[in-house]
Amino acid sequence: MANLVTTEANNILAASSGQAPYVAPVPPIQVALVTATGTATAAGTEVVGGGYVRQTITFAAPAGGSISSNVAVTFVNLPACTITGIDEYDSATPTPVRRWFGNLSSPKTINAGDTFSISTGSFTKQLS
């Protein structure tokens, strides 16, 4: 389950209250792996090294105030690390905007050169 960052929460609240238009994310949406999970106001510590790069994620249609990933997201040739969570960014330039974050259900220790995948449907965001 992902959590909304404060900036995005404020964006949604202002738009839904008629105070400002919603500032939509710039696609594609990217997932970042972190070794120290962030908070609503601070990004996590992103994995660095090996062949690590942020990966694109897409979502099925929302239903019941929830939306889930509709593809598996795979990271290859990772450095040795322990992944504790994810940060989700848009692709705004020059600085992508962090919009969601969350812990893994349990930390995952990775050996150098390993692959890590987030299975289809296991990345879920909810507003309710």
N, C-alpha and C. Protein backbone atom coordinates (compact mmCIF):
# COMPACT_ATOMS: atom_id res chain seq x y z
N MET A 1 0.85 -1.18 0.00
CA MET A 1 0.00 0.00 0.00
C MET A 1 0.89 1.23 0.00
N ALA A 2 0.56 2.14 -0.86
CA ALA A 2 1.33 3.38 -0.95
C ALA A 2 0.65 4.49 -0.14
N ASN A 3 1.44 5.43 0.30
CA ASN A 3 0.96 6.58 1.06
C ASN A 3 1.15 7.84 0.23
N LEU A 4 0.25 8.78 0.40
CA LEU A 4 0.30 10.04 -0.31
C LEU A 4 1.30 10.98 0.35
N VAL A 5 2.17 11.62 -0.45
CA VAL A 5 3.08 12.62 0.11
C VAL A 5 2.30 13.91 0.36
N THR A 6 2.78 14.75 1.25
CA THR A 6 2.06 15.96 1.65
C THR A 6 1.81 16.89 0.47
N THR A 7 2.78 17.07 -0.40
CA THR A 7 2.61 17.95 -1.56
C THR A 7 1.44 17.50 -2.42
N GLU A 8 1.35 16.21 -2.68
CA GLU A 8 0.26 15.68 -3.51
C GLU A 8 -1.07 15.78 -2.77
N ALA A 9 -1.08 15.50 -1.48
CA ALA A 9 -2.31 15.63 -0.69
C ALA A 9 -2.84 17.06 -0.75
N ASN A 10 -1.95 18.03 -0.59
CA ASN A 10 -2.36 19.44 -0.67
C ASN A 10 -2.88 19.79 -2.06
N ASN A 11 -2.24 19.24 -3.09
CA ASN A 11 -2.65 19.45 -4.47
C ASN A 11 -4.09 18.95 -4.68
N ILE A 12 -4.39 17.75 -4.20
CA ILE A 12 -5.73 17.17 -4.34
C ILE A 12 -6.75 17.97 -3.53
N LEU A 13 -6.40 18.33 -2.31
CA LEU A 13 -7.33 19.09 -1.46
C LEU A 13 -7.66 20.46 -2.06
N ALA A 14 -6.66 21.17 -2.54
CA ALA A 14 -6.90 22.49 -3.13
C ALA A 14 -7.78 22.37 -4.37
N ALA A 15 -7.52 21.37 -5.20
CA ALA A 15 -8.31 21.19 -6.42
C ALA A 15 -9.75 20.79 -6.08
N SER A 16 -9.92 19.87 -5.14
CA SER A 16 -11.27 19.40 -4.82
C SER A 16 -12.08 20.42 -4.03
N SER A 17 -11.42 21.47 -3.54
CA SER A 17 -12.10 22.55 -2.81
C SER A 17 -12.28 23.78 -3.68
N GLY A 18 -11.91 23.69 -4.96
CA GLY A 18 -12.08 24.80 -5.88
C GLY A 18 -11.08 25.93 -5.68
N GLN A 19 -10.00 25.68 -4.96
CA GLN A 19 -9.01 26.73 -4.69
C GLN A 19 -7.97 26.85 -5.78
N ALA A 20 -7.70 25.77 -6.50
CA ALA A 20 -6.68 25.77 -7.55
C ALA A 20 -6.92 24.57 -8.46
N PRO A 21 -6.50 24.68 -9.72
CA PRO A 21 -6.62 23.50 -10.58
C PRO A 21 -5.65 22.41 -10.13
N TYR A 22 -6.03 21.17 -10.38
CA TYR A 22 -5.15 20.06 -10.04
C TYR A 22 -3.92 20.07 -10.94
N VAL A 23 -2.76 19.91 -10.35
CA VAL A 23 -1.51 19.84 -11.11
C VAL A 23 -1.24 18.35 -11.37
N ALA A 24 -1.54 17.93 -12.58
CA ALA A 24 -1.43 16.51 -12.93
C ALA A 24 0.02 16.07 -13.05
N PRO A 25 0.28 14.79 -12.78
CA PRO A 25 1.63 14.27 -12.95
C PRO A 25 2.01 14.24 -14.43
N VAL A 26 3.30 14.38 -14.67
CA VAL A 26 3.84 14.26 -16.03
C VAL A 26 4.19 12.79 -16.26
N PRO A 27 3.55 12.14 -17.24
CA PRO A 27 3.87 10.74 -17.48
C PRO A 27 5.23 10.58 -18.16
N PRO A 28 5.83 9.40 -18.09
CA PRO A 28 5.34 8.22 -17.40
C PRO A 28 5.63 8.30 -15.89
N ILE A 29 4.88 7.51 -15.13
CA ILE A 29 5.08 7.41 -13.70
C ILE A 29 6.22 6.41 -13.46
N GLN A 30 7.12 6.78 -12.55
CA GLN A 30 8.32 5.98 -12.28
C GLN A 30 8.34 5.49 -10.83
N VAL A 31 8.83 4.27 -10.62
CA VAL A 31 9.01 3.71 -9.29
C VAL A 31 10.50 3.75 -8.96
N ALA A 32 10.81 4.24 -7.77
CA ALA A 32 12.18 4.25 -7.25
C ALA A 32 12.25 3.31 -6.06
N LEU A 33 13.28 2.50 -5.99
CA LEU A 33 13.50 1.64 -4.82
C LEU A 33 14.30 2.42 -3.79
N VAL A 34 13.98 2.22 -2.50
CA VAL A 34 14.68 2.93 -1.44
C VAL A 34 15.20 1.97 -0.38
N THR A 35 16.32 2.35 0.22
CA THR A 35 16.93 1.55 1.29
C THR A 35 16.59 2.10 2.66
N ALA A 36 16.02 3.28 2.72
CA ALA A 36 15.45 3.86 3.93
C ALA A 36 14.17 4.55 3.47
N THR A 37 13.04 4.09 3.97
CA THR A 37 11.75 4.59 3.51
C THR A 37 11.54 6.03 3.93
N GLY A 38 11.01 6.82 3.02
CA GLY A 38 10.75 8.22 3.29
C GLY A 38 9.50 8.43 4.12
N THR A 39 9.10 9.68 4.20
CA THR A 39 7.91 10.08 4.94
C THR A 39 7.02 10.90 4.01
N ALA A 40 5.94 11.42 4.53
CA ALA A 40 5.06 12.25 3.73
C ALA A 40 5.73 13.55 3.29
N THR A 41 6.81 13.94 3.98
CA THR A 41 7.48 15.19 3.64
C THR A 41 8.93 15.03 3.16
N ALA A 42 9.48 13.83 3.21
CA ALA A 42 10.88 13.62 2.80
C ALA A 42 11.02 12.32 2.02
N ALA A 43 11.75 12.38 0.92
CA ALA A 43 11.99 11.19 0.09
C ALA A 43 12.83 10.17 0.83
N GLY A 44 12.70 8.92 0.43
CA GLY A 44 13.55 7.87 0.98
C GLY A 44 14.94 7.94 0.38
N THR A 45 15.82 7.06 0.84
CA THR A 45 17.19 6.98 0.33
C THR A 45 17.18 6.03 -0.86
N GLU A 46 17.30 6.59 -2.06
CA GLU A 46 17.19 5.78 -3.27
C GLU A 46 18.40 4.89 -3.48
N VAL A 47 18.14 3.69 -4.00
CA VAL A 47 19.21 2.76 -4.38
C VAL A 47 20.11 3.43 -5.40
N VAL A 48 21.41 3.18 -5.29
CA VAL A 48 22.39 3.76 -6.21
C VAL A 48 23.36 2.65 -6.62
N GLY A 49 23.75 2.64 -7.88
CA GLY A 49 24.80 1.73 -8.32
C GLY A 49 24.27 0.54 -9.10
N GLY A 50 25.22 -0.32 -9.50
CA GLY A 50 24.87 -1.46 -10.33
C GLY A 50 24.19 -0.96 -11.59
N GLY A 51 23.18 -1.67 -12.03
CA GLY A 51 22.41 -1.25 -13.20
C GLY A 51 21.09 -0.62 -12.81
N TYR A 52 20.97 -0.17 -11.55
CA TYR A 52 19.71 0.37 -11.06
C TYR A 52 19.28 1.63 -11.82
N VAL A 53 18.05 1.65 -12.27
CA VAL A 53 17.38 2.84 -12.79
C VAL A 53 15.91 2.75 -12.39
N ARG A 54 15.29 3.89 -12.21
CA ARG A 54 13.84 3.91 -11.94
C ARG A 54 13.11 3.22 -13.08
N GLN A 55 11.99 2.60 -12.75
CA GLN A 55 11.21 1.87 -13.74
C GLN A 55 9.81 2.45 -13.88
N THR A 56 9.27 2.37 -15.08
CA THR A 56 7.92 2.85 -15.36
C THR A 56 6.89 1.88 -14.82
N ILE A 57 5.80 2.44 -14.26
CA ILE A 57 4.69 1.63 -13.78
C ILE A 57 3.40 2.17 -14.38
N THR A 58 2.48 1.27 -14.67
CA THR A 58 1.15 1.67 -15.15
C THR A 58 0.11 1.01 -14.26
N PHE A 59 -1.12 1.52 -14.35
CA PHE A 59 -2.18 1.10 -13.43
C PHE A 59 -3.44 0.73 -14.19
N ALA A 60 -4.21 -0.20 -13.62
CA ALA A 60 -5.54 -0.54 -14.11
C ALA A 60 -6.47 0.62 -13.77
N ALA A 61 -7.69 0.57 -14.26
CA ALA A 61 -8.67 1.61 -13.94
C ALA A 61 -9.00 1.58 -12.45
N PRO A 62 -9.20 2.75 -11.85
CA PRO A 62 -9.55 2.78 -10.43
C PRO A 62 -10.95 2.24 -10.19
N ALA A 63 -11.14 1.67 -9.01
CA ALA A 63 -12.45 1.17 -8.60
C ALA A 63 -12.53 1.22 -7.08
N GLY A 64 -13.64 1.71 -6.57
CA GLY A 64 -13.85 1.72 -5.13
C GLY A 64 -12.84 2.56 -4.37
N GLY A 65 -12.30 3.60 -5.00
CA GLY A 65 -11.33 4.46 -4.33
C GLY A 65 -9.93 3.89 -4.28
N SER A 66 -9.66 2.86 -5.08
CA SER A 66 -8.35 2.20 -5.08
C SER A 66 -7.90 1.96 -6.51
N ILE A 67 -6.59 1.91 -6.69
CA ILE A 67 -6.01 1.61 -8.01
C ILE A 67 -4.77 0.75 -7.79
N SER A 68 -4.57 -0.25 -8.68
CA SER A 68 -3.43 -1.16 -8.55
C SER A 68 -2.66 -1.25 -9.85
N SER A 69 -1.39 -1.59 -9.72
CA SER A 69 -0.53 -1.75 -10.90
C SER A 69 -1.08 -2.84 -11.81
N ASN A 70 -0.94 -2.65 -13.12
CA ASN A 70 -1.41 -3.67 -14.06
C ASN A 70 -0.27 -4.32 -14.84
N VAL A 71 0.95 -4.09 -14.39
CA VAL A 71 2.13 -4.72 -14.98
C VAL A 71 3.11 -5.08 -13.86
N ALA A 72 3.95 -6.04 -14.12
CA ALA A 72 5.07 -6.31 -13.22
C ALA A 72 6.16 -5.28 -13.51
N VAL A 73 6.84 -4.85 -12.48
CA VAL A 73 7.93 -3.88 -12.62
C VAL A 73 9.20 -4.58 -12.16
N THR A 74 10.20 -4.65 -13.05
CA THR A 74 11.40 -5.41 -12.76
C THR A 74 12.64 -4.53 -12.82
N PHE A 75 13.46 -4.64 -11.80
CA PHE A 75 14.74 -3.94 -11.70
C PHE A 75 15.83 -5.00 -11.84
N VAL A 76 16.80 -4.79 -12.71
CA VAL A 76 17.85 -5.78 -12.96
C VAL A 76 19.22 -5.26 -12.56
N ASN A 77 20.14 -6.21 -12.34
CA ASN A 77 21.53 -5.90 -12.04
C ASN A 77 21.67 -4.87 -10.91
N LEU A 78 20.98 -5.15 -9.81
CA LEU A 78 21.01 -4.23 -8.67
C LEU A 78 22.31 -4.34 -7.89
N PRO A 79 22.66 -3.29 -7.15
CA PRO A 79 23.80 -3.39 -6.24
C PRO A 79 23.37 -4.14 -4.99
N ALA A 80 24.32 -4.60 -4.20
CA ALA A 80 24.00 -5.22 -2.91
C ALA A 80 23.35 -4.16 -2.02
N CYS A 81 22.17 -4.47 -1.48
CA CYS A 81 21.46 -3.51 -0.63
C CYS A 81 20.28 -4.22 0.03
N THR A 82 19.61 -3.52 0.92
CA THR A 82 18.35 -3.99 1.49
C THR A 82 17.28 -2.97 1.13
N ILE A 83 16.32 -3.41 0.35
CA ILE A 83 15.24 -2.53 -0.09
C ILE A 83 14.16 -2.54 0.99
N THR A 84 13.77 -1.34 1.43
CA THR A 84 12.75 -1.22 2.47
C THR A 84 11.43 -0.68 1.94
N GLY A 85 11.46 -0.01 0.78
CA GLY A 85 10.23 0.57 0.27
C GLY A 85 10.40 1.16 -1.11
N ILE A 86 9.40 1.96 -1.50
CA ILE A 86 9.38 2.58 -2.81
C ILE A 86 9.00 4.06 -2.68
N ASP A 87 9.42 4.84 -3.65
CA ASP A 87 8.92 6.19 -3.86
C ASP A 87 8.38 6.21 -5.29
N GLU A 88 7.29 6.93 -5.51
CA GLU A 88 6.73 7.06 -6.85
C GLU A 88 6.89 8.51 -7.30
N TYR A 89 7.42 8.68 -8.50
CA TYR A 89 7.67 10.01 -9.08
C TYR A 89 6.98 10.13 -10.42
N ASP A 90 6.68 11.37 -10.79
CA ASP A 90 6.28 11.61 -12.17
C ASP A 90 7.57 11.88 -12.97
N SER A 91 7.42 12.31 -14.21
CA SER A 91 8.60 12.55 -15.06
C SER A 91 8.78 14.02 -15.42
N ALA A 92 8.35 14.91 -14.52
CA ALA A 92 8.53 16.34 -14.77
C ALA A 92 10.01 16.67 -14.92
N THR A 93 10.31 17.61 -15.79
CA THR A 93 11.69 18.05 -15.95
C THR A 93 11.79 19.52 -15.56
N PRO A 94 12.85 19.94 -14.95
CA PRO A 94 14.06 19.17 -14.71
C PRO A 94 14.00 18.31 -13.45
N THR A 95 12.97 18.47 -12.62
CA THR A 95 12.92 17.72 -11.36
C THR A 95 11.61 16.93 -11.26
N PRO A 96 11.67 15.60 -11.32
CA PRO A 96 10.46 14.80 -11.13
C PRO A 96 9.83 15.08 -9.76
N VAL A 97 8.50 15.00 -9.72
CA VAL A 97 7.75 15.26 -8.49
C VAL A 97 7.40 13.94 -7.81
N ARG A 98 7.79 13.83 -6.54
CA ARG A 98 7.46 12.65 -5.73
C ARG A 98 6.01 12.79 -5.29
N ARG A 99 5.21 11.73 -5.50
CA ARG A 99 3.78 11.81 -5.21
C ARG A 99 3.29 10.76 -4.21
N TRP A 100 3.89 9.59 -4.18
CA TRP A 100 3.48 8.51 -3.28
C TRP A 100 4.73 7.84 -2.72
N PHE A 101 4.59 7.13 -1.61
CA PHE A 101 5.69 6.38 -1.02
C PHE A 101 5.09 5.22 -0.22
N GLY A 102 5.92 4.24 0.11
CA GLY A 102 5.42 3.14 0.93
C GLY A 102 6.50 2.14 1.28
N ASN A 103 6.23 1.38 2.34
CA ASN A 103 7.11 0.30 2.78
C ASN A 103 6.79 -0.97 2.01
N LEU A 104 7.79 -1.82 1.83
CA LEU A 104 7.53 -3.18 1.38
C LEU A 104 6.88 -3.92 2.55
N SER A 105 6.20 -5.01 2.28
CA SER A 105 5.60 -5.79 3.37
C SER A 105 6.68 -6.34 4.29
N SER A 106 7.87 -6.59 3.74
CA SER A 106 9.05 -6.92 4.54
C SER A 106 10.28 -6.53 3.73
N PRO A 107 11.34 -6.03 4.39
CA PRO A 107 12.55 -5.64 3.66
C PRO A 107 13.10 -6.80 2.85
N LYS A 108 13.73 -6.49 1.73
CA LYS A 108 14.29 -7.51 0.85
C LYS A 108 15.78 -7.26 0.67
N THR A 109 16.60 -8.23 1.11
CA THR A 109 18.05 -8.13 0.94
C THR A 109 18.41 -8.60 -0.47
N ILE A 110 19.18 -7.78 -1.16
CA ILE A 110 19.56 -8.03 -2.55
C ILE A 110 21.07 -8.22 -2.62
N ASN A 111 21.50 -9.23 -3.36
CA ASN A 111 22.93 -9.41 -3.64
C ASN A 111 23.28 -8.67 -4.92
N ALA A 112 24.52 -8.27 -5.07
CA ALA A 112 24.97 -7.58 -6.28
C ALA A 112 24.61 -8.41 -7.50
N GLY A 113 24.01 -7.75 -8.50
CA GLY A 113 23.63 -8.41 -9.74
C GLY A 113 22.24 -9.02 -9.73
N ASP A 114 21.56 -9.03 -8.57
CA ASP A 114 20.22 -9.63 -8.48
C ASP A 114 19.17 -8.79 -9.18
N THR A 115 18.02 -9.42 -9.38
CA THR A 115 16.83 -8.80 -9.95
C THR A 115 15.78 -8.68 -8.84
N PHE A 116 14.99 -7.62 -8.88
CA PHE A 116 13.89 -7.43 -7.93
C PHE A 116 12.65 -7.05 -8.73
N SER A 117 11.52 -7.69 -8.43
CA SER A 117 10.28 -7.41 -9.15
C SER A 117 9.15 -7.06 -8.20
N ILE A 118 8.30 -6.16 -8.66
CA ILE A 118 7.03 -5.84 -8.00
C ILE A 118 5.97 -6.49 -8.88
N SER A 119 5.27 -7.48 -8.37
CA SER A 119 4.34 -8.24 -9.20
C SER A 119 3.10 -7.42 -9.58
N THR A 120 2.48 -7.81 -10.66
CA THR A 120 1.27 -7.17 -11.14
C THR A 120 0.23 -7.14 -10.02
N GLY A 121 -0.35 -5.98 -9.80
CA GLY A 121 -1.41 -5.84 -8.81
C GLY A 121 -0.95 -5.63 -7.39
N SER A 122 0.36 -5.73 -7.13
CA SER A 122 0.81 -5.62 -5.74
C SER A 122 1.17 -4.20 -5.31
N PHE A 123 1.19 -3.26 -6.25
CA PHE A 123 1.39 -1.85 -5.92
C PHE A 123 0.00 -1.21 -5.95
N THR A 124 -0.52 -0.85 -4.79
CA THR A 124 -1.88 -0.32 -4.68
C THR A 124 -1.87 1.06 -4.03
N LYS A 125 -2.70 1.95 -4.57
CA LYS A 125 -2.89 3.28 -4.00
C LYS A 125 -4.38 3.42 -3.69
N GLN A 126 -4.69 4.08 -2.56
CA GLN A 126 -6.09 4.18 -2.16
C GLN A 126 -6.41 5.56 -1.60
N LEU A 127 -7.56 6.07 -1.97
CA LEU A 127 -8.10 7.31 -1.40
C LEU A 127 -9.50 6.98 -0.89
N SER A 128 -9.66 6.96 0.41
CA SER A 128 -11.00 6.75 0.97
C SER A 128 -10.96 6.96 2.46
